[in-house]
Amino acid sequence: MEKDESINVLGQALAVCGTDPVTGFFRDGQCNTCVADQGSHTVCAVMTDEFLAYSKYVGNDLSTPRPEFGFAGLKSGDPWCLCAGRFLQAHDEGCAPKVHLAATHRRALEIVPLKVLQAHALPA
């Protein structure tokens, strides 16, 4: 699978989202994507208890450890490459987490308007 160019929503080189735990569709610490990434794991977000509870409620439990997949479970404060659609859904429900714009892939803009990402942006 060939990665799309690593460019963020600001038109710059894509920054690292998180390495502990290692995130990203490619598990390379960045929110890189490709045509095989059906969920568009492109939004670098910092987890909150509220968002993790919401995500579990809508069917994607990110907080429970899954050792069979080498996944320790996420906790508040962990950075994670979220599916753009799930982020937008959380925004619409009023529980979207903060976003690291420099680490959010530009393909997220196909789903989430830049002004929505900016409204949730962490301080630069």
Protein backbone atom coordinates (compact mmCIF):
# COMPACT_ATOMS: atom_id res chain seq x y z
CA MET A 1 0.00 0.00 0.00
CA GLU A 2 1.39 3.34 -1.00
CA LYS A 3 0.83 6.20 1.41
CA ASP A 4 -0.71 9.44 0.21
CA GLU A 5 1.67 12.39 0.42
CA SER A 6 2.24 13.28 4.10
CA ILE A 7 0.79 16.81 4.07
CA ASN A 8 -1.31 18.30 6.87
CA VAL A 9 -4.44 20.47 6.74
CA LEU A 10 -2.22 23.57 6.90
CA GLY A 11 -0.36 22.55 3.72
CA GLN A 12 2.84 21.65 5.57
CA ALA A 13 4.70 18.41 6.30
CA LEU A 14 2.60 16.09 8.46
CA ALA A 15 3.76 16.09 12.09
CA VAL A 16 3.85 13.04 14.34
CA CYS A 17 0.55 12.44 16.13
CA GLY A 18 1.56 9.88 18.74
CA THR A 19 3.99 7.07 19.44
CA ASP A 20 2.88 5.92 22.91
CA PRO A 21 0.66 4.24 21.99
CA VAL A 22 1.69 4.14 18.34
CA THR A 23 -1.18 5.43 16.24
CA GLY A 24 -2.12 5.74 12.61
CA PHE A 25 -3.52 3.49 9.90
CA PHE A 26 0.06 2.38 9.19
CA ARG A 27 0.99 2.34 12.91
CA ASP A 28 3.80 4.76 12.14
CA GLY A 29 2.81 7.46 14.64
CA GLN A 30 1.37 9.69 11.92
CA CYS A 31 -2.15 10.07 10.52
CA ASN A 32 -1.01 8.93 7.09
CA THR A 33 -3.60 7.40 4.79
CA CYS A 34 -4.03 5.59 1.50
CA VAL A 35 -6.83 4.26 -0.69
CA ALA A 36 -7.12 1.16 1.54
CA ASP A 37 -7.88 3.32 4.60
CA GLN A 38 -11.66 3.06 4.35
CA GLY A 39 -12.19 4.94 7.62
CA SER A 40 -9.87 7.86 6.77
CA HIS A 41 -7.86 7.70 10.03
CA THR A 42 -6.65 11.24 9.41
CA VAL A 43 -7.62 13.45 12.38
CA CYS A 44 -4.99 13.66 15.13
CA ALA A 45 -7.02 14.12 18.30
CA VAL A 46 -6.21 14.09 22.01
CA MET A 47 -8.54 11.70 23.79
CA THR A 48 -10.88 12.86 26.55
CA ASP A 49 -12.97 10.75 28.90
CA GLU A 50 -16.09 12.25 27.32
CA PHE A 51 -15.04 11.33 23.77
CA LEU A 52 -13.93 7.81 24.77
CA ALA A 53 -17.31 7.20 26.42
CA TYR A 54 -19.08 8.55 23.33
CA SER A 55 -17.02 6.41 20.97
CA LYS A 56 -17.77 3.30 23.03
CA TYR A 57 -21.48 4.20 23.05
CA VAL A 58 -21.58 4.43 19.24
CA GLY A 59 -19.79 1.11 18.81
CA ASN A 60 -16.05 1.79 18.71
CA ASP A 61 -14.57 0.96 22.11
CA LEU A 62 -11.14 2.61 22.14
CA SER A 63 -10.62 2.41 25.90
CA THR A 64 -10.76 -1.32 26.58
CA PRO A 65 -7.41 -3.14 26.22
CA ARG A 66 -7.31 -5.70 23.39
CA PRO A 67 -4.07 -7.62 24.01
CA GLU A 68 -4.80 -9.99 21.12
CA PHE A 69 -4.24 -6.97 18.83
CA GLY A 70 -1.40 -5.48 20.89
CA PHE A 71 -3.72 -2.65 21.93
CA ALA A 72 -3.49 -1.40 25.51
CA GLY A 73 -6.60 0.79 25.29
CA LEU A 74 -6.65 4.57 25.20
CA LYS A 75 -7.03 6.96 28.11
CA SER A 76 -7.64 10.67 28.41
CA GLY A 77 -4.65 12.61 27.12
CA ASP A 78 -3.55 9.99 24.57
CA PRO A 79 -3.13 11.27 20.99
CA TRP A 80 -4.84 9.10 18.36
CA CYS A 81 -5.58 9.19 14.64
CA LEU A 82 -9.36 9.21 14.53
CA CYS A 83 -11.58 8.43 11.58
CA ALA A 84 -12.60 11.75 10.10
CA GLY A 85 -16.25 10.74 9.98
CA ARG A 86 -16.29 9.77 13.66
CA PHE A 87 -14.67 13.08 14.58
CA LEU A 88 -17.32 14.99 12.63
CA GLN A 89 -20.06 12.91 14.28
CA ALA A 90 -18.60 13.71 17.73
CA HIS A 91 -18.45 17.40 16.77
CA ASP A 92 -22.12 17.30 15.77
CA GLU A 93 -22.95 15.68 19.14
CA GLY A 94 -20.91 18.27 21.09
CA CYS A 95 -18.18 15.96 22.39
CA ALA A 96 -15.34 16.24 19.86
CA PRO A 97 -11.82 16.10 21.32
CA LYS A 98 -9.11 18.67 20.68
CA VAL A 99 -7.21 18.38 17.40
CA HIS A 100 -3.51 18.73 16.59
CA LEU A 101 -3.76 20.50 13.20
CA ALA A 102 -0.11 19.99 12.21
CA ALA A 103 -0.58 16.22 12.63
CA THR A 104 -3.99 16.01 10.88
CA HIS A 105 -3.72 14.76 7.30
CA ARG A 106 -5.14 16.98 4.56
CA ARG A 107 -7.43 14.15 3.39
CA ALA A 108 -9.48 14.81 6.54
CA LEU A 109 -10.72 17.91 4.71
CA GLU A 110 -12.66 15.66 2.33
CA ILE A 111 -14.96 14.92 5.30
CA VAL A 112 -14.42 17.61 7.94
CA PRO A 113 -14.45 21.32 7.07
CA LEU A 114 -11.27 23.17 8.07
CA LYS A 115 -13.29 25.62 10.20
CA VAL A 116 -14.59 22.68 12.29
CA LEU A 117 -11.06 21.36 12.82
CA GLN A 118 -9.85 24.86 13.70
CA ALA A 119 -12.68 25.26 16.25
CA HIS A 120 -11.24 22.24 18.11
CA ALA A 121 -7.57 23.03 17.55
CA LEU A 122 -5.03 22.75 20.34
CA PRO A 123 -3.01 25.92 20.90
CA ALA A 124 -0.11 25.99 18.41
